[in-house]
């Protein structure tokens, strides 16, 4: 028996949201807003039902009739290929606005134009699951299925660079010939500007024959192997001379950013360059400014800011990343203007901020947990002590909205503008940027020009 429902919205897992006649919420895989659909309930919970799509009686004009990836619908890597890309961004913008409204009880004075980049071939970092399944011909390498239990039987992936997608089948074949393919749970991908690194997690020691197989594959497909026998700290290059091969360039700032396969870097290189450009424009750094970069990582924002500010102080919780940033600053002659230190920013307070001294501008780029302690500490500074402007880059709208509420309601900051960054097309992941201004100031004139970037 099927039900006829009107789809009202889309959640961030790519499911249509509708209501039964009694008001109960129904999540429908594959349905889009505005569609009239027939569904079959597959799971009933006290507060909601889940349903599968039986028939689309009235399709959405924004529906993509044939999603380009043959794995779509099974693979958990992409959830929204059936929706036109600009409509995906509109949904993410709405989710950001809703988070501000319902969680932070704030509203940005202006919405920034969404930042767009390539819709395919954009993912320069990925973690592939691996599983040896004899009845499917050997090793499977790819993302997990939507239910998370199995590895997708995939020969291509459209969101990773084409040269990586093209090697998936040969990679599966090569790994199937290793001595213990059943003891290889995952492979990490890291693509730099000059090379591609595959980090093989192996739970049993590799034989000499295994190593020769990997070397032959590397030579044929122009990749570099790293090996990880245990935790991330055990990762090392198969050939020691490849230790420093990975880097990405930021040509706007004449910077070359070295990194290791396990270091955090942004997945989407093109969007990352545009994001840095926008963040610096929003900060409006002046030559005599002292700037803080909190959760600075390996200096992705700090070193570009070091080209313009009198002093940049980068602070990061990972000593490894702090060391990478310090080395990159020395490489580019920025050691005098960009300095780095290690600290757990989830435990800071206002006394710590005061010890650091006054900053004119602050950039915050935290992980998904947000920057609660940092926001609380800044909200407790006096007006004279506060930075004039804070730019907050977020990968989680919920924690951004929470921290925005603290800065606005407790700290007296104004939320001048915010907008989404489409770092991960076809997924529910929302990257965003927000600008906070201390005191009573007028609208930022520069925002109008940003709308046409």
Foldseek 3Di string as FASTA:
>chain_A
DKDKWAFAAAAQQQWTWTADPVGAIETEQPAHHGWTFIWDFDADDPRHTYTYTDGTPGHDPQFDPDQPDPCPPWFSQFRFSRGHQVVLQVRLFVVLQVLLCPQLVAGAPAAFAAADDDQWQFFQKDKWFWAFDVVVPTIATGGHTNVRDHHDRDQADGRHHRLVSNCRVVVRVLLRPWPCSRQWTIWIWHDAPQAIEIETEGQDDGDPVNLVSVVVSCVVSVHWYWYHNDDPVRIATSDNVCQFVHWYDLVVQRFIQTDGRPFDDARGVVLLSVVLVVVCVLQVAAAAFEEEEEQCFLNSNPSSVLVRYQAYEYEHQDPVSQVSNCVRCVVVVSNNRYHYDHDDQQPDALVVLVVVFAGQEYEYEDAQQARQRVLQNLLPDDLVRHHFKYKYKHFHSNNVSNSVSSCVVRRVKHFHYKYWYPSNTSGSTTIMMTMIGHDDDDHDPCSVVSNVD
